[in-house]
Amino acid sequence: MKTKTVTASLIGVLATLAATGVNAQSPPIEFRVIAAKGNPSGCISLDASLSRVHTITLMGDKAMLRSSGGINDTMKQTAPNVYKTRFGLGGVNLDVVADASKSPRTLEVTEASRGCHWNAVAP
């Protein structure tokens, strides 16, 4: 009889986890990042890598950032559905913020020392 009770309990726990989506992966969000008007000329060298499609996949308190331009990183949640990371690209440090808490969802990339800025929106 204990086996049936334990089995029923496990099934109940698994059903609850599945229903609540614990660590569930959301469908990927695609962004095409474009340079902000007025970016300094020193930012142009990063445009080719950043102008490709970027995919953000939300996974609980983390998000995976991927692009065909060689950008692959794990983002950390800083607020509900807001994720940030910092990584190097071509000798430059870039700060990336993905905000899926609002509509339209946004992706912003900045480079502070040169004043570079790129952004994108997704439906």
N, C-alpha and C. Protein backbone atom coordinates (compact mmCIF):
# COMPACT_ATOMS: atom_id res chain seq x y z
N MET A 1 0.82 -1.20 0.00
CA MET A 1 0.00 0.00 0.00
C MET A 1 0.86 1.26 0.00
N LYS A 2 2.04 1.20 0.69
CA LYS A 2 2.92 2.36 0.72
C LYS A 2 3.42 2.71 -0.66
N THR A 3 3.68 1.73 -1.52
CA THR A 3 4.16 1.97 -2.87
C THR A 3 3.16 2.79 -3.66
N LYS A 4 1.87 2.47 -3.53
CA LYS A 4 0.84 3.23 -4.25
C LYS A 4 0.78 4.66 -3.74
N THR A 5 0.92 4.86 -2.45
CA THR A 5 0.87 6.21 -1.87
C THR A 5 2.06 7.03 -2.35
N VAL A 6 3.26 6.43 -2.32
CA VAL A 6 4.46 7.13 -2.76
C VAL A 6 4.36 7.45 -4.25
N THR A 7 3.91 6.51 -5.05
CA THR A 7 3.75 6.72 -6.48
C THR A 7 2.74 7.84 -6.75
N ALA A 8 1.63 7.81 -6.05
CA ALA A 8 0.62 8.86 -6.23
C ALA A 8 1.18 10.21 -5.83
N SER A 9 1.97 10.25 -4.76
CA SER A 9 2.57 11.51 -4.32
C SER A 9 3.55 12.04 -5.35
N LEU A 10 4.38 11.17 -5.91
CA LEU A 10 5.34 11.58 -6.92
C LEU A 10 4.65 12.10 -8.17
N ILE A 11 3.59 11.42 -8.57
CA ILE A 11 2.83 11.86 -9.74
C ILE A 11 2.23 13.24 -9.48
N GLY A 12 1.73 13.44 -8.28
CA GLY A 12 1.17 14.75 -7.93
C GLY A 12 2.20 15.86 -7.96
N VAL A 13 3.40 15.58 -7.42
CA VAL A 13 4.48 16.58 -7.42
C VAL A 13 4.90 16.89 -8.85
N LEU A 14 5.09 15.86 -9.68
CA LEU A 14 5.49 16.08 -11.06
C LEU A 14 4.44 16.86 -11.84
N ALA A 15 3.18 16.57 -11.60
CA ALA A 15 2.11 17.30 -12.27
C ALA A 15 2.11 18.77 -11.85
N THR A 16 2.36 19.03 -10.57
CA THR A 16 2.42 20.41 -10.09
C THR A 16 3.59 21.15 -10.71
N LEU A 17 4.75 20.51 -10.77
CA LEU A 17 5.92 21.15 -11.38
C LEU A 17 5.67 21.45 -12.85
N ALA A 18 5.07 20.53 -13.55
CA ALA A 18 4.78 20.74 -14.97
C ALA A 18 3.78 21.87 -15.17
N ALA A 19 2.78 21.94 -14.31
CA ALA A 19 1.75 22.97 -14.44
C ALA A 19 2.29 24.36 -14.12
N THR A 20 3.23 24.46 -13.18
CA THR A 20 3.75 25.77 -12.80
C THR A 20 4.89 26.21 -13.69
N GLY A 21 5.42 25.30 -14.51
CA GLY A 21 6.48 25.67 -15.43
C GLY A 21 7.81 25.96 -14.75
N VAL A 22 8.12 25.24 -13.68
CA VAL A 22 9.37 25.45 -12.98
C VAL A 22 10.52 25.27 -13.96
N ASN A 23 11.36 26.31 -14.06
CA ASN A 23 12.49 26.33 -14.98
C ASN A 23 12.07 26.05 -16.42
N ALA A 24 10.84 26.35 -16.76
CA ALA A 24 10.38 26.13 -18.12
C ALA A 24 11.06 27.11 -19.06
N GLN A 25 11.31 26.66 -20.24
CA GLN A 25 11.95 27.47 -21.25
C GLN A 25 10.85 28.09 -22.10
N SER A 26 10.91 29.39 -22.30
CA SER A 26 9.92 30.06 -23.12
C SER A 26 10.34 30.01 -24.58
N PRO A 27 9.42 30.29 -25.48
CA PRO A 27 9.81 30.33 -26.89
C PRO A 27 10.85 31.44 -27.10
N PRO A 28 11.81 31.25 -27.98
CA PRO A 28 12.84 32.27 -28.21
C PRO A 28 12.24 33.58 -28.70
N ILE A 29 12.85 34.68 -28.29
CA ILE A 29 12.46 36.02 -28.73
C ILE A 29 13.55 36.48 -29.68
N GLU A 30 13.17 36.88 -30.89
CA GLU A 30 14.16 37.32 -31.88
C GLU A 30 14.19 38.84 -31.97
N PHE A 31 15.41 39.36 -31.99
CA PHE A 31 15.64 40.80 -32.12
C PHE A 31 16.63 41.03 -33.25
N ARG A 32 16.43 42.09 -34.02
CA ARG A 32 17.45 42.54 -34.97
C ARG A 32 17.91 43.90 -34.47
N VAL A 33 19.13 43.93 -33.97
CA VAL A 33 19.69 45.12 -33.33
C VAL A 33 20.17 46.09 -34.41
N ILE A 34 19.87 47.37 -34.22
CA ILE A 34 20.34 48.41 -35.14
C ILE A 34 21.06 49.50 -34.34
N ALA A 35 22.02 50.12 -34.98
CA ALA A 35 22.78 51.19 -34.35
C ALA A 35 21.90 52.42 -34.16
N ALA A 36 22.12 53.09 -33.04
CA ALA A 36 21.38 54.33 -32.78
C ALA A 36 21.91 55.43 -33.71
N LYS A 37 21.04 56.31 -34.12
CA LYS A 37 21.47 57.45 -34.93
C LYS A 37 22.40 58.30 -34.07
N GLY A 38 23.46 58.77 -34.67
CA GLY A 38 24.40 59.59 -33.94
C GLY A 38 25.46 58.82 -33.20
N ASN A 39 25.54 57.50 -33.41
CA ASN A 39 26.62 56.72 -32.80
C ASN A 39 27.95 57.29 -33.29
N PRO A 40 28.94 57.41 -32.40
CA PRO A 40 30.26 57.86 -32.84
C PRO A 40 30.85 56.91 -33.89
N SER A 41 31.75 57.42 -34.72
CA SER A 41 32.33 56.60 -35.79
C SER A 41 33.10 55.40 -35.24
N GLY A 42 33.59 55.47 -34.03
CA GLY A 42 34.31 54.35 -33.42
C GLY A 42 33.43 53.15 -33.13
N CYS A 43 32.13 53.29 -33.27
CA CYS A 43 31.20 52.19 -33.01
C CYS A 43 30.95 51.34 -34.24
N ILE A 44 31.26 51.86 -35.40
CA ILE A 44 30.93 51.18 -36.65
C ILE A 44 31.55 49.80 -36.75
N SER A 45 32.72 49.60 -36.16
CA SER A 45 33.40 48.30 -36.26
C SER A 45 32.60 47.17 -35.62
N LEU A 46 31.68 47.50 -34.73
CA LEU A 46 30.87 46.47 -34.05
C LEU A 46 29.53 46.22 -34.75
N ASP A 47 29.17 47.08 -35.71
CA ASP A 47 27.87 46.97 -36.36
C ASP A 47 27.62 45.62 -37.03
N ALA A 48 28.64 45.06 -37.69
CA ALA A 48 28.44 43.79 -38.42
C ALA A 48 28.03 42.66 -37.48
N SER A 49 28.70 42.56 -36.34
CA SER A 49 28.36 41.48 -35.38
C SER A 49 27.03 41.75 -34.70
N LEU A 50 26.76 43.00 -34.39
CA LEU A 50 25.54 43.32 -33.64
C LEU A 50 24.29 43.39 -34.51
N SER A 51 24.45 43.62 -35.82
CA SER A 51 23.27 43.78 -36.68
C SER A 51 22.60 42.47 -37.05
N ARG A 52 23.19 41.35 -36.69
CA ARG A 52 22.58 40.05 -36.97
C ARG A 52 21.45 39.78 -35.98
N VAL A 53 20.62 38.80 -36.30
CA VAL A 53 19.51 38.45 -35.42
C VAL A 53 20.05 37.89 -34.10
N HIS A 54 19.52 38.41 -33.00
CA HIS A 54 19.85 37.93 -31.66
C HIS A 54 18.63 37.20 -31.12
N THR A 55 18.85 36.05 -30.54
CA THR A 55 17.78 35.25 -29.96
C THR A 55 17.97 35.19 -28.46
N ILE A 56 16.92 35.52 -27.72
CA ILE A 56 16.91 35.45 -26.27
C ILE A 56 15.92 34.35 -25.88
N THR A 57 16.39 33.39 -25.10
CA THR A 57 15.51 32.34 -24.60
C THR A 57 15.46 32.45 -23.09
N LEU A 58 14.29 32.76 -22.55
CA LEU A 58 14.11 32.92 -21.11
C LEU A 58 14.00 31.56 -20.45
N MET A 59 14.74 31.39 -19.35
CA MET A 59 14.73 30.13 -18.62
C MET A 59 14.76 30.42 -17.13
N GLY A 60 13.61 30.81 -16.58
CA GLY A 60 13.54 31.12 -15.15
C GLY A 60 14.31 32.37 -14.82
N ASP A 61 15.33 32.25 -13.95
CA ASP A 61 16.09 33.43 -13.53
C ASP A 61 17.29 33.70 -14.44
N LYS A 62 17.36 33.02 -15.58
CA LYS A 62 18.42 33.23 -16.56
C LYS A 62 17.82 33.33 -17.95
N ALA A 63 18.62 33.84 -18.87
CA ALA A 63 18.22 33.88 -20.27
C ALA A 63 19.46 33.59 -21.10
N MET A 64 19.28 32.89 -22.20
CA MET A 64 20.39 32.59 -23.10
C MET A 64 20.34 33.57 -24.27
N LEU A 65 21.46 34.22 -24.51
CA LEU A 65 21.61 35.16 -25.62
C LEU A 65 22.46 34.47 -26.69
N ARG A 66 21.95 34.42 -27.92
CA ARG A 66 22.66 33.79 -29.02
C ARG A 66 22.52 34.64 -30.28
N SER A 67 23.60 34.67 -31.08
CA SER A 67 23.50 35.30 -32.39
C SER A 67 24.46 34.62 -33.34
N SER A 68 24.18 34.74 -34.63
CA SER A 68 25.08 34.17 -35.63
C SER A 68 26.35 35.00 -35.76
N GLY A 69 26.38 36.15 -35.11
CA GLY A 69 27.56 37.00 -35.11
C GLY A 69 28.57 36.61 -34.06
N GLY A 70 28.38 35.47 -33.40
CA GLY A 70 29.34 34.98 -32.43
C GLY A 70 29.06 35.40 -31.00
N ILE A 71 27.92 35.98 -30.75
CA ILE A 71 27.57 36.39 -29.39
C ILE A 71 26.77 35.26 -28.75
N ASN A 72 27.32 34.69 -27.69
CA ASN A 72 26.67 33.61 -26.95
C ASN A 72 26.96 33.83 -25.48
N ASP A 73 25.92 34.07 -24.71
CA ASP A 73 26.15 34.38 -23.30
C ASP A 73 24.90 34.04 -22.49
N THR A 74 25.11 33.86 -21.19
CA THR A 74 24.01 33.65 -20.25
C THR A 74 23.74 34.97 -19.55
N MET A 75 22.49 35.39 -19.57
CA MET A 75 22.09 36.64 -18.93
C MET A 75 21.47 36.32 -17.57
N LYS A 76 21.64 37.23 -16.62
CA LYS A 76 21.08 37.05 -15.29
C LYS A 76 19.88 37.98 -15.10
N GLN A 77 18.87 37.47 -14.42
CA GLN A 77 17.66 38.25 -14.17
C GLN A 77 17.96 39.31 -13.11
N THR A 78 17.55 40.56 -13.39
CA THR A 78 17.74 41.66 -12.45
C THR A 78 16.42 42.20 -11.92
N ALA A 79 15.35 41.88 -12.59
CA ALA A 79 13.98 42.22 -12.21
C ALA A 79 13.09 41.22 -12.94
N PRO A 80 11.81 41.13 -12.58
CA PRO A 80 10.96 40.17 -13.29
C PRO A 80 11.00 40.38 -14.81
N ASN A 81 11.46 39.38 -15.54
CA ASN A 81 11.56 39.37 -17.00
C ASN A 81 12.50 40.44 -17.56
N VAL A 82 13.48 40.87 -16.76
CA VAL A 82 14.53 41.78 -17.23
C VAL A 82 15.86 41.08 -16.96
N TYR A 83 16.69 40.99 -18.01
CA TYR A 83 17.94 40.23 -17.93
C TYR A 83 19.10 41.09 -18.41
N LYS A 84 20.26 40.92 -17.76
CA LYS A 84 21.44 41.70 -18.13
C LYS A 84 22.67 40.81 -18.21
N THR A 85 23.61 41.28 -19.02
CA THR A 85 24.93 40.65 -19.08
C THR A 85 25.93 41.67 -19.57
N ARG A 86 27.20 41.36 -19.39
CA ARG A 86 28.30 42.16 -19.92
C ARG A 86 29.29 41.17 -20.53
N PHE A 87 29.71 41.44 -21.76
CA PHE A 87 30.69 40.58 -22.39
C PHE A 87 31.58 41.40 -23.31
N GLY A 88 32.70 40.79 -23.69
CA GLY A 88 33.64 41.46 -24.58
C GLY A 88 33.45 41.03 -26.02
N LEU A 89 33.59 41.99 -26.93
CA LEU A 89 33.48 41.71 -28.36
C LEU A 89 34.47 42.63 -29.07
N GLY A 90 35.45 42.06 -29.73
CA GLY A 90 36.43 42.86 -30.44
C GLY A 90 37.19 43.82 -29.53
N GLY A 91 37.48 43.39 -28.31
CA GLY A 91 38.24 44.22 -27.38
C GLY A 91 37.42 45.31 -26.70
N VAL A 92 36.11 45.25 -26.84
CA VAL A 92 35.21 46.25 -26.26
C VAL A 92 34.23 45.55 -25.31
N ASN A 93 33.96 46.17 -24.16
CA ASN A 93 32.97 45.62 -23.23
C ASN A 93 31.59 46.16 -23.57
N LEU A 94 30.64 45.25 -23.73
CA LEU A 94 29.27 45.62 -24.06
C LEU A 94 28.33 45.22 -22.93
N ASP A 95 27.43 46.13 -22.59
CA ASP A 95 26.37 45.85 -21.62
C ASP A 95 25.09 45.59 -22.41
N VAL A 96 24.42 44.49 -22.09
CA VAL A 96 23.23 44.08 -22.81
C VAL A 96 22.08 43.93 -21.82
N VAL A 97 20.93 44.53 -22.14
CA VAL A 97 19.74 44.43 -21.31
C VAL A 97 18.57 43.98 -22.20
N ALA A 98 17.96 42.86 -21.83
CA ALA A 98 16.76 42.37 -22.50
C ALA A 98 15.58 42.57 -21.55
N ASP A 99 14.57 43.28 -22.02
CA ASP A 99 13.38 43.54 -21.19
C ASP A 99 12.17 42.89 -21.83
N ALA A 100 11.77 41.75 -21.26
CA ALA A 100 10.58 41.03 -21.74
C ALA A 100 9.39 41.28 -20.84
N SER A 101 9.50 42.27 -19.94
CA SER A 101 8.41 42.56 -19.01
C SER A 101 7.35 43.47 -19.60
N LYS A 102 7.64 44.05 -20.75
CA LYS A 102 6.71 45.00 -21.36
C LYS A 102 6.52 44.66 -22.83
N SER A 103 5.58 45.30 -23.43
CA SER A 103 5.33 45.10 -24.85
C SER A 103 5.44 46.45 -25.55
N PRO A 104 6.25 46.60 -26.54
CA PRO A 104 7.08 45.56 -27.14
C PRO A 104 8.30 45.25 -26.27
N ARG A 105 8.79 44.04 -26.41
CA ARG A 105 9.99 43.63 -25.69
C ARG A 105 11.20 44.31 -26.33
N THR A 106 12.21 44.64 -25.54
CA THR A 106 13.35 45.39 -26.05
C THR A 106 14.67 44.72 -25.73
N LEU A 107 15.65 45.03 -26.54
CA LEU A 107 17.02 44.61 -26.32
C LEU A 107 17.90 45.83 -26.56
N GLU A 108 18.72 46.17 -25.58
CA GLU A 108 19.62 47.32 -25.69
C GLU A 108 21.05 46.87 -25.47
N VAL A 109 21.94 47.37 -26.30
CA VAL A 109 23.37 47.09 -26.18
C VAL A 109 24.06 48.43 -26.10
N THR A 110 24.91 48.60 -25.09
CA THR A 110 25.64 49.86 -24.95
C THR A 110 27.12 49.59 -24.69
N GLU A 111 27.93 50.55 -25.08
CA GLU A 111 29.36 50.53 -24.83
C GLU A 111 29.68 51.91 -24.26
N ALA A 112 29.96 51.96 -22.97
CA ALA A 112 30.03 53.23 -22.25
C ALA A 112 31.20 54.12 -22.63
N SER A 113 32.39 53.57 -22.84
CA SER A 113 33.55 54.44 -23.04
C SER A 113 33.50 55.22 -24.35
N ARG A 114 32.91 54.66 -25.38
CA ARG A 114 32.78 55.36 -26.67
C ARG A 114 31.42 56.02 -26.84
N GLY A 115 30.47 55.64 -26.00
CA GLY A 115 29.12 56.18 -26.14
C GLY A 115 28.30 55.50 -27.22
N CYS A 116 28.59 54.23 -27.48
CA CYS A 116 27.88 53.48 -28.53
C CYS A 116 26.57 52.92 -27.97
N HIS A 117 25.57 52.83 -28.85
CA HIS A 117 24.26 52.33 -28.44
C HIS A 117 23.59 51.65 -29.62
N TRP A 118 23.07 50.45 -29.37
CA TRP A 118 22.28 49.72 -30.34
C TRP A 118 21.00 49.26 -29.64
N ASN A 119 19.92 49.15 -30.41
CA ASN A 119 18.68 48.68 -29.78
C ASN A 119 17.81 47.93 -30.77
N ALA A 120 16.82 47.24 -30.20
CA ALA A 120 15.89 46.47 -31.01
C ALA A 120 14.60 46.28 -30.25
N VAL A 121 13.52 46.05 -30.99
CA VAL A 121 12.24 45.70 -30.38
C VAL A 121 11.73 44.43 -31.03
N ALA A 122 10.96 43.67 -30.26
CA ALA A 122 10.34 42.45 -30.77
C ALA A 122 8.88 42.49 -30.37
N PRO A 123 8.02 41.91 -31.19
CA PRO A 123 6.58 41.92 -30.88
C PRO A 123 6.27 41.15 -29.60
